[in-house]
Amino acid sequence: MKLAGVLVLVGAALLLTSGGDCGICPVIKQKAELFLHGSQEEYLSFVKQYKDSRLILENAGKIKKCVDNSLTEEDKTHAMNLIERIDASPVC
């Protein structure tokens, strides 16, 4: 798997929250979905809701473009499946 794929998987594993049910925050799941399967415009619009900084939006756009150019649809689907499995895990 490519480095970007590994980074996405590691990032997905780090998305776990320490809240009561230990599930993944719905906003983080939505962000991951847009990051992996949304358009650049959809993703940046979502990021802008939480942090309207030119520098952050530029960097988010660069990272999104890198992921879109580096990962295959299969890689992206595997990453989302991992997030879903973590979220649904009874040991979480």
PDB file of N, CA and C in Angstrom:
ATOM      1  N   MET A   1       0.850  -1.169   0.000  1.00  0.00           N
ATOM      2  CA  MET A   1       0.000   0.000   0.000  1.00  0.00           C
ATOM      3  C   MET A   1       0.898   1.235   0.000  1.00  0.00           C
ATOM      4  N   LYS A   2       0.443   2.260  -0.638  1.00  0.00           N
ATOM      5  CA  LYS A   2       1.207   3.491  -0.734  1.00  0.00           C
ATOM      6  C   LYS A   2       1.269   4.195   0.608  1.00  0.00           C
ATOM      7  N   LEU A   3       2.245   5.082   0.736  1.00  0.00           N
ATOM      8  CA  LEU A   3       2.427   5.839   1.978  1.00  0.00           C
ATOM      9  C   LEU A   3       1.167   6.610   2.339  1.00  0.00           C
ATOM     10  N   ALA A   4       0.538   7.234   1.357  1.00  0.00           N
ATOM     11  CA  ALA A   4      -0.678   7.996   1.648  1.00  0.00           C
ATOM     12  C   ALA A   4      -1.765   7.082   2.196  1.00  0.00           C
ATOM     13  N   GLY A   5      -1.860   5.874   1.668  1.00  0.00           N
ATOM     14  CA  GLY A   5      -2.847   4.915   2.167  1.00  0.00           C
ATOM     15  C   GLY A   5      -2.584   4.533   3.604  1.00  0.00           C
ATOM     16  N   VAL A   6      -1.325   4.328   3.911  1.00  0.00           N
ATOM     17  CA  VAL A   6      -0.955   3.996   5.287  1.00  0.00           C
ATOM     18  C   VAL A   6      -1.302   5.156   6.210  1.00  0.00           C
ATOM     19  N   LEU A   7      -1.027   6.376   5.767  1.00  0.00           N
ATOM     20  CA  LEU A   7      -1.341   7.547   6.584  1.00  0.00           C
ATOM     21  C   LEU A   7      -2.837   7.675   6.826  1.00  0.00           C
ATOM     22  N   VAL A   8      -3.637   7.392   5.817  1.00  0.00           N
ATOM     23  CA  VAL A   8      -5.091   7.447   5.990  1.00  0.00           C
ATOM     24  C   VAL A   8      -5.542   6.400   6.994  1.00  0.00           C
ATOM     25  N   LEU A   9      -4.995   5.194   6.899  1.00  0.00           N
ATOM     26  CA  LEU A   9      -5.381   4.140   7.833  1.00  0.00           C
ATOM     27  C   LEU A   9      -4.949   4.454   9.257  1.00  0.00           C
ATOM     28  N   VAL A  10      -3.753   4.995   9.415  1.00  0.00           N
ATOM     29  CA  VAL A  10      -3.297   5.384  10.751  1.00  0.00           C
ATOM     30  C   VAL A  10      -4.174   6.513  11.279  1.00  0.00           C
ATOM     31  N   GLY A  11      -4.486   7.468  10.426  1.00  0.00           N
ATOM     32  CA  GLY A  11      -5.363   8.561  10.834  1.00  0.00           C
ATOM     33  C   GLY A  11      -6.728   8.053  11.236  1.00  0.00           C
ATOM     34  N   ALA A  12      -7.245   7.082  10.497  1.00  0.00           N
ATOM     35  CA  ALA A  12      -8.554   6.520  10.840  1.00  0.00           C
ATOM     36  C   ALA A  12      -8.519   5.850  12.203  1.00  0.00           C
ATOM     37  N   ALA A  13      -7.422   5.162  12.492  1.00  0.00           N
ATOM     38  CA  ALA A  13      -7.308   4.514  13.797  1.00  0.00           C
ATOM     39  C   ALA A  13      -7.253   5.544  14.921  1.00  0.00           C
ATOM     40  N   LEU A  14      -6.705   6.714  14.635  1.00  0.00           N
ATOM     41  CA  LEU A  14      -6.598   7.759  15.649  1.00  0.00           C
ATOM     42  C   LEU A  14      -7.889   8.550  15.837  1.00  0.00           C
ATOM     43  N   LEU A  15      -8.887   8.271  15.016  1.00  0.00           N
ATOM     44  CA  LEU A  15     -10.135   9.011  15.100  1.00  0.00           C
ATOM     45  C   LEU A  15     -11.017   8.613  16.284  1.00  0.00           C
ATOM     46  N   LEU A  16     -10.636   7.568  16.958  1.00  0.00           N
ATOM     47  CA  LEU A  16     -11.436   7.139  18.098  1.00  0.00           C
ATOM     48  C   LEU A  16     -11.466   8.224  19.160  1.00  0.00           C
ATOM     49  N   THR A  17     -12.603   8.405  19.733  1.00  0.00           N
ATOM     50  CA  THR A  17     -12.714   9.393  20.802  1.00  0.00           C
ATOM     51  C   THR A  17     -12.688   8.676  22.138  1.00  0.00           C
ATOM     52  N   SER A  18     -12.528   9.422  23.181  1.00  0.00           N
ATOM     53  CA  SER A  18     -12.506   8.821  24.510  1.00  0.00           C
ATOM     54  C   SER A  18     -13.826   9.059  25.232  1.00  0.00           C
ATOM     55  N   GLY A  19     -14.889   9.351  24.507  1.00  0.00           N
ATOM     56  CA  GLY A  19     -16.196   9.607  25.110  1.00  0.00           C
ATOM     57  C   GLY A  19     -16.801   8.352  25.698  1.00  0.00           C
ATOM     58  N   GLY A  20     -18.021   8.485  26.212  1.00  0.00           N
ATOM     59  CA  GLY A  20     -18.690   7.399  26.914  1.00  0.00           C
ATOM     60  C   GLY A  20     -18.842   6.128  26.110  1.00  0.00           C
ATOM     61  N   ASP A  21     -19.279   6.224  24.854  1.00  0.00           N
ATOM     62  CA  ASP A  21     -19.485   5.004  24.072  1.00  0.00           C
ATOM     63  C   ASP A  21     -18.256   4.639  23.251  1.00  0.00           C
ATOM     64  N   CYS A  22     -17.229   5.481  23.280  1.00  0.00           N
ATOM     65  CA  CYS A  22     -15.954   5.211  22.615  1.00  0.00           C
ATOM     66  C   CYS A  22     -16.094   5.107  21.100  1.00  0.00           C
ATOM     67  N   GLY A  23     -17.219   5.498  20.540  1.00  0.00           N
ATOM     68  CA  GLY A  23     -17.391   5.467  19.095  1.00  0.00           C
ATOM     69  C   GLY A  23     -16.696   6.647  18.447  1.00  0.00           C
ATOM     70  N   ILE A  24     -16.711   6.660  17.157  1.00  0.00           N
ATOM     71  CA  ILE A  24     -16.108   7.759  16.417  1.00  0.00           C
ATOM     72  C   ILE A  24     -17.133   8.881  16.326  1.00  0.00           C
ATOM     73  N   CYS A  25     -16.696  10.074  16.609  1.00  0.00           N
ATOM     74  CA  CYS A  25     -17.558  11.257  16.541  1.00  0.00           C
ATOM     75  C   CYS A  25     -18.197  11.346  15.152  1.00  0.00           C
ATOM     76  N   PRO A  26     -19.501  11.563  15.061  1.00  0.00           N
ATOM     77  CA  PRO A  26     -20.168  11.638  13.753  1.00  0.00           C
ATOM     78  C   PRO A  26     -19.582  12.710  12.826  1.00  0.00           C
ATOM     79  N   VAL A  27     -19.150  13.824  13.384  1.00  0.00           N
ATOM     80  CA  VAL A  27     -18.557  14.878  12.558  1.00  0.00           C
ATOM     81  C   VAL A  27     -17.248  14.390  11.946  1.00  0.00           C
ATOM     82  N   ILE A  28     -16.476  13.646  12.717  1.00  0.00           N
ATOM     83  CA  ILE A  28     -15.209  13.111  12.200  1.00  0.00           C
ATOM     84  C   ILE A  28     -15.481  12.074  11.113  1.00  0.00           C
ATOM     85  N   LYS A  29     -16.511  11.254  11.310  1.00  0.00           N
ATOM     86  CA  LYS A  29     -16.864  10.281  10.275  1.00  0.00           C
ATOM     87  C   LYS A  29     -17.284  10.990   8.994  1.00  0.00           C
ATOM     88  N   GLN A  30     -18.051  12.075   9.128  1.00  0.00           N
ATOM     89  CA  GLN A  30     -18.486  12.839   7.958  1.00  0.00           C
ATOM     90  C   GLN A  30     -17.273  13.465   7.260  1.00  0.00           C
ATOM     91  N   LYS A  31     -16.347  13.987   8.055  1.00  0.00           N
ATOM     92  CA  LYS A  31     -15.145  14.583   7.474  1.00  0.00           C
ATOM     93  C   LYS A  31     -14.330  13.527   6.719  1.00  0.00           C
ATOM     94  N   ALA A  32     -14.188  12.346   7.317  1.00  0.00           N
ATOM     95  CA  ALA A  32     -13.446  11.271   6.655  1.00  0.00           C
ATOM     96  C   ALA A  32     -14.122  10.860   5.353  1.00  0.00           C
ATOM     97  N   GLU A  33     -15.452  10.772   5.382  1.00  0.00           N
ATOM     98  CA  GLU A  33     -16.209  10.408   4.170  1.00  0.00           C
ATOM     99  C   GLU A  33     -15.973  11.442   3.064  1.00  0.00           C
ATOM    100  N   LEU A  34     -16.065  12.717   3.411  1.00  0.00           N
ATOM    101  CA  LEU A  34     -15.825  13.769   2.420  1.00  0.00           C
ATOM    102  C   LEU A  34     -14.370  13.789   1.966  1.00  0.00           C
ATOM    103  N   PHE A  35     -13.450  13.538   2.892  1.00  0.00           N
ATOM    104  CA  PHE A  35     -12.026  13.525   2.569  1.00  0.00           C
ATOM    105  C   PHE A  35     -11.710  12.418   1.573  1.00  0.00           C
ATOM    106  N   LEU A  36     -12.318  11.269   1.769  1.00  0.00           N
ATOM    107  CA  LEU A  36     -12.008  10.129   0.909  1.00  0.00           C
ATOM    108  C   LEU A  36     -12.867  10.063  -0.349  1.00  0.00           C
ATOM    109  N   HIS A  37     -14.144  10.425  -0.239  1.00  0.00           N
ATOM    110  CA  HIS A  37     -15.042  10.223  -1.383  1.00  0.00           C
ATOM    111  C   HIS A  37     -15.699  11.489  -1.912  1.00  0.00           C
ATOM    112  N   GLY A  38     -15.573  12.596  -1.200  1.00  0.00           N
ATOM    113  CA  GLY A  38     -16.195  13.836  -1.654  1.00  0.00           C
ATOM    114  C   GLY A  38     -15.314  14.582  -2.644  1.00  0.00           C
ATOM    115  N   SER A  39     -15.889  15.615  -3.241  1.00  0.00           N
ATOM    116  CA  SER A  39     -15.103  16.461  -4.141  1.00  0.00           C
ATOM    117  C   SER A  39     -14.257  17.412  -3.305  1.00  0.00           C
ATOM    118  N   GLN A  40     -13.298  18.032  -3.941  1.00  0.00           N
ATOM    119  CA  GLN A  40     -12.443  18.989  -3.248  1.00  0.00           C
ATOM    120  C   GLN A  40     -13.291  20.136  -2.685  1.00  0.00           C
ATOM    121  N   GLU A  41     -14.262  20.598  -3.472  1.00  0.00           N
ATOM    122  CA  GLU A  41     -15.117  21.706  -3.039  1.00  0.00           C
ATOM    123  C   GLU A  41     -15.960  21.317  -1.826  1.00  0.00           C
ATOM    124  N   GLU A  42     -16.520  20.112  -1.838  1.00  0.00           N
ATOM    125  CA  GLU A  42     -17.332  19.648  -0.700  1.00  0.00           C
ATOM    126  C   GLU A  42     -16.489  19.556   0.562  1.00  0.00           C
ATOM    127  N   TYR A  43     -15.294  18.997   0.425  1.00  0.00           N
ATOM    128  CA  TYR A  43     -14.414  18.832   1.582  1.00  0.00           C
ATOM    129  C   TYR A  43     -13.993  20.185   2.149  1.00  0.00           C
ATOM    130  N   LEU A  44     -13.561  21.097   1.281  1.00  0.00           N
ATOM    131  CA  LEU A  44     -13.117  22.403   1.754  1.00  0.00           C
ATOM    132  C   LEU A  44     -14.266  23.209   2.354  1.00  0.00           C
ATOM    133  N   SER A  45     -15.451  23.053   1.822  1.00  0.00           N
ATOM    134  CA  SER A  45     -16.626  23.721   2.400  1.00  0.00           C
ATOM    135  C   SER A  45     -16.886  23.198   3.809  1.00  0.00           C
ATOM    136  N   PHE A  46     -16.731  21.897   3.994  1.00  0.00           N
ATOM    137  CA  PHE A  46     -16.919  21.295   5.311  1.00  0.00           C
ATOM    138  C   PHE A  46     -15.865  21.805   6.293  1.00  0.00           C
ATOM    139  N   VAL A  47     -14.607  21.834   5.872  1.00  0.00           N
ATOM    140  CA  VAL A  47     -13.523  22.309   6.732  1.00  0.00           C
ATOM    141  C   VAL A  47     -13.753  23.774   7.105  1.00  0.00           C
ATOM    142  N   LYS A  48     -14.208  24.552   6.139  1.00  0.00           N
ATOM    143  CA  LYS A  48     -14.418  25.991   6.355  1.00  0.00           C
ATOM    144  C   LYS A  48     -15.457  26.259   7.446  1.00  0.00           C
ATOM    145  N   GLN A  49     -16.392  25.339   7.640  1.00  0.00           N
ATOM    146  CA  GLN A  49     -17.406  25.497   8.697  1.00  0.00           C
ATOM    147  C   GLN A  49     -16.753  25.563  10.073  1.00  0.00           C
ATOM    148  N   TYR A  50     -15.623  24.901  10.224  1.00  0.00           N
ATOM    149  CA  TYR A  50     -14.991  24.791  11.529  1.00  0.00           C
ATOM    150  C   TYR A  50     -13.750  25.670  11.672  1.00  0.00           C
ATOM    151  N   LYS A  51     -13.082  25.964  10.559  1.00  0.00           N
ATOM    152  CA  LYS A  51     -11.880  26.789  10.624  1.00  0.00           C
ATOM    153  C   LYS A  51     -11.730  27.550   9.315  1.00  0.00           C
ATOM    154  N   ASP A  52     -12.124  28.817   9.325  1.00  0.00           N
ATOM    155  CA  ASP A  52     -12.083  29.640   8.122  1.00  0.00           C
ATOM    156  C   ASP A  52     -10.772  30.416   8.067  1.00  0.00           C
ATOM    157  N   SER A  53      -9.695  29.690   7.823  1.00  0.00           N
ATOM    158  CA  SER A  53      -8.365  30.275   7.725  1.00  0.00           C
ATOM    159  C   SER A  53      -7.806  29.956   6.347  1.00  0.00           C
ATOM    160  N   ARG A  54      -7.306  30.968   5.670  1.00  0.00           N
ATOM    161  CA  ARG A  54      -6.777  30.776   4.322  1.00  0.00           C
ATOM    162  C   ARG A  54      -5.683  29.709   4.300  1.00  0.00           C
ATOM    163  N   LEU A  55      -4.776  29.772   5.264  1.00  0.00           N
ATOM    164  CA  LEU A  55      -3.665  28.825   5.315  1.00  0.00           C
ATOM    165  C   LEU A  55      -4.159  27.390   5.539  1.00  0.00           C
ATOM    166  N   ILE A  56      -5.080  27.223   6.455  1.00  0.00           N
ATOM    167  CA  ILE A  56      -5.624  25.881   6.728  1.00  0.00           C
ATOM    168  C   ILE A  56      -6.375  25.356   5.514  1.00  0.00           C
ATOM    169  N   LEU A  57      -7.163  26.208   4.870  1.00  0.00           N
ATOM    170  CA  LEU A  57      -7.905  25.765   3.683  1.00  0.00           C
ATOM    171  C   LEU A  57      -6.963  25.418   2.534  1.00  0.00           C
ATOM    172  N   GLU A  58      -5.887  26.184   2.362  1.00  0.00           N
ATOM    173  CA  GLU A  58      -4.904  25.859   1.319  1.00  0.00           C
ATOM    174  C   GLU A  58      -4.260  24.503   1.587  1.00  0.00           C
ATOM    175  N   ASN A  59      -3.849  24.285   2.822  1.00  0.00           N
ATOM    176  CA  ASN A  59      -3.213  23.007   3.166  1.00  0.00           C
ATOM    177  C   ASN A  59      -4.187  21.846   3.071  1.00  0.00           C
ATOM    178  N   ALA A  60      -5.426  22.057   3.507  1.00  0.00           N
ATOM    179  CA  ALA A  60      -6.441  21.000   3.386  1.00  0.00           C
ATOM    180  C   ALA A  60      -6.666  20.652   1.920  1.00  0.00           C
ATOM    181  N   GLY A  61      -6.678  21.664   1.061  1.00  0.00           N
ATOM    182  CA  GLY A  61      -6.843  21.427  -0.377  1.00  0.00           C
ATOM    183  C   GLY A  61      -5.675  20.641  -0.961  1.00  0.00           C
ATOM    184  N   LYS A  62      -4.460  20.971  -0.525  1.00  0.00           N
ATOM    185  CA  LYS A  62      -3.273  20.254  -1.020  1.00  0.00           C
ATOM    186  C   LYS A  62      -3.297  18.795  -0.578  1.00  0.00           C
ATOM    187  N   ILE A  63      -3.654  18.564   0.675  1.00  0.00           N
ATOM    188  CA  ILE A  63      -3.701  17.192   1.183  1.00  0.00           C
ATOM    189  C   ILE A  63      -4.790  16.400   0.470  1.00  0.00           C
ATOM    190  N   LYS A  64      -5.967  17.010   0.276  1.00  0.00           N
ATOM    191  CA  LYS A  64      -7.081  16.340  -0.421  1.00  0.00           C
ATOM    192  C   LYS A  64      -6.654  15.988  -1.849  1.00  0.00           C
ATOM    193  N   LYS A  65      -6.000  16.923  -2.524  1.00  0.00           N
ATOM    194  CA  LYS A  65      -5.548  16.674  -3.894  1.00  0.00           C
ATOM    195  C   LYS A  65      -4.534  15.533  -3.930  1.00  0.00           C
ATOM    196  N   CYS A  66      -3.635  15.514  -2.958  1.00  0.00           N
ATOM    197  CA  CYS A  66      -2.631  14.453  -2.882  1.00  0.00           C
ATOM    198  C   CYS A  66      -3.304  13.086  -2.699  1.00  0.00           C
ATOM    199  N   VAL A  67      -4.262  13.017  -1.786  1.00  0.00           N
ATOM    200  CA  VAL A  67      -4.976  11.757  -1.544  1.00  0.00           C
ATOM    201  C   VAL A  67      -5.749  11.334  -2.788  1.00  0.00           C
ATOM    202  N   ASP A  68      -6.433  12.289  -3.420  1.00  0.00           N
ATOM    203  CA  ASP A  68      -7.197  11.957  -4.628  1.00  0.00           C
ATOM    204  C   ASP A  68      -6.292  11.441  -5.744  1.00  0.00           C
ATOM    205  N   ASN A  69      -5.084  11.980  -5.829  1.00  0.00           N
ATOM    206  CA  ASN A  69      -4.155  11.560  -6.885  1.00  0.00           C
ATOM    207  C   ASN A  69      -3.373  10.301  -6.524  1.00  0.00           C
ATOM    208  N   SER A  70      -3.283   9.993  -5.225  1.00  0.00           N
ATOM    209  CA  SER A  70      -2.446   8.872  -4.794  1.00  0.00           C
ATOM    210  C   SER A  70      -3.224   7.589  -4.517  1.00  0.00           C
ATOM    211  N   LEU A  71      -4.399   7.714  -3.947  1.00  0.00           N
ATOM    212  CA  LEU A  71      -5.153   6.526  -3.545  1.00  0.00           C
ATOM    213  C   LEU A  71      -6.138   6.110  -4.630  1.00  0.00           C
ATOM    214  N   THR A  72      -6.282   4.823  -4.784  1.00  0.00           N
ATOM    215  CA  THR A  72      -7.297   4.306  -5.696  1.00  0.00           C
ATOM    216  C   THR A  72      -8.641   4.315  -4.973  1.00  0.00           C
ATOM    217  N   GLU A  73      -9.703   4.151  -5.710  1.00  0.00           N
ATOM    218  CA  GLU A  73     -11.034   4.059  -5.085  1.00  0.00           C
ATOM    219  C   GLU A  73     -11.087   2.872  -4.125  1.00  0.00           C
ATOM    220  N   GLU A  74     -10.390   1.807  -4.477  1.00  0.00           N
ATOM    221  CA  GLU A  74     -10.347   0.634  -3.604  1.00  0.00           C
ATOM    222  C   GLU A  74      -9.660   0.976  -2.277  1.00  0.00           C
ATOM    223  N   ASP A  75      -8.547   1.717  -2.335  1.00  0.00           N
ATOM    224  CA  ASP A  75      -7.861   2.148  -1.109  1.00  0.00           C
ATOM    225  C   ASP A  75      -8.783   2.989  -0.237  1.00  0.00           C
ATOM    226  N   LYS A  76      -9.490   3.913  -0.869  1.00  0.00           N
ATOM    227  CA  LYS A  76     -10.402   4.792  -0.130  1.00  0.00           C
ATOM    228  C   LYS A  76     -11.539   3.997   0.501  1.00  0.00           C
ATOM    229  N   THR A  77     -12.055   3.028  -0.228  1.00  0.00           N
ATOM    230  CA  THR A  77     -13.129   2.190   0.300  1.00  0.00           C
ATOM    231  C   THR A  77     -12.626   1.368   1.477  1.00  0.00           C
ATOM    232  N   HIS A  78     -11.430   0.826   1.374  1.00  0.00           N
ATOM    233  CA  HIS A  78     -10.845   0.067   2.490  1.00  0.00           C
ATOM    234  C   HIS A  78     -10.682   0.944   3.724  1.00  0.00           C
ATOM    235  N   ALA A  79     -10.247   2.177   3.529  1.00  0.00           N
ATOM    236  CA  ALA A  79     -10.078   3.097   4.665  1.00  0.00           C
ATOM    237  C   ALA A  79     -11.419   3.377   5.332  1.00  0.00           C
ATOM    238  N   MET A  80     -12.465   3.615   4.549  1.00  0.00           N
ATOM    239  CA  MET A  80     -13.791   3.860   5.132  1.00  0.00           C
ATOM    240  C   MET A  80     -14.329   2.603   5.807  1.00  0.00           C
ATOM    241  N   ASN A  81     -14.067   1.437   5.238  1.00  0.00           N
ATOM    242  CA  ASN A  81     -14.493   0.190   5.866  1.00  0.00           C
ATOM    243  C   ASN A  81     -13.819   0.005   7.220  1.00  0.00           C
ATOM    244  N   LEU A  82     -12.538   0.387   7.303  1.00  0.00           N
ATOM    245  CA  LEU A  82     -11.830   0.308   8.572  1.00  0.00           C
ATOM    246  C   LEU A  82     -12.486   1.224   9.608  1.00  0.00           C
ATOM    247  N   ILE A  83     -12.818   2.418   9.212  1.00  0.00           N
ATOM    248  CA  ILE A  83     -13.481   3.353  10.127  1.00  0.00           C
ATOM    249  C   ILE A  83     -14.806   2.773  10.612  1.00  0.00           C
ATOM    250  N   GLU A  84     -15.579   2.211   9.704  1.00  0.00           N
ATOM    251  CA  GLU A  84     -16.868   1.605  10.075  1.00  0.00           C
ATOM    252  C   GLU A  84     -16.677   0.424  11.019  1.00  0.00           C
ATOM    253  N   ARG A  85     -15.663  -0.404  10.754  1.00  0.00           N
ATOM    254  CA  ARG A  85     -15.407  -1.558  11.627  1.00  0.00           C
ATOM    255  C   ARG A  85     -14.973  -1.128  13.012  1.00  0.00           C
ATOM    256  N   ILE A  86     -14.141  -0.096  13.091  1.00  0.00           N
ATOM    257  CA  ILE A  86     -13.725   0.424  14.389  1.00  0.00           C
ATOM    258  C   ILE A  86     -14.934   0.950  15.142  1.00  0.00           C
ATOM    259  N   ASP A  87     -15.769   1.694  14.452  1.00  0.00           N
ATOM    260  CA  ASP A  87     -16.952   2.297  15.075  1.00  0.00           C
ATOM    261  C   ASP A  87     -17.941   1.239  15.560  1.00  0.00           C
ATOM    262  N   ALA A  88     -18.048   0.150  14.815  1.00  0.00           N
ATOM    263  CA  ALA A  88     -19.015  -0.905  15.163  1.00  0.00           C
ATOM    264  C   ALA A  88     -18.456  -1.946  16.122  1.00  0.00           C
ATOM    265  N   SER A  89     -17.191  -1.869  16.422  1.00  0.00           N
ATOM    266  CA  SER A  89     -16.555  -2.889  17.243  1.00  0.00           C
ATOM    267  C   SER A  89     -17.129  -2.936  18.657  1.00  0.00           C
ATOM    268  N   PRO A  90     -17.498  -4.118  19.139  1.00  0.00           N
ATOM    269  CA  PRO A  90     -18.025  -4.226  20.500  1.00  0.00           C
ATOM    270  C   PRO A  90     -16.946  -4.028  21.577  1.00  0.00           C
ATOM    271  N   VAL A  91     -15.679  -4.153  21.218  1.00  0.00           N
ATOM    272  CA  VAL A  91     -14.616  -3.954  22.199  1.00  0.00           C
ATOM    273  C   VAL A  91     -14.210  -2.498  22.319  1.00  0.00           C
ATOM    274  N   CYS A  92     -14.770  -1.665  21.493  1.00  0.00           N
ATOM    275  CA  CYS A  92     -14.430  -0.253  21.514  1.00  0.00           C
ATOM    276  C   CYS A  92     -14.924   0.406  22.754  1.00  0.00           C
TER     277      CYS A  92
END
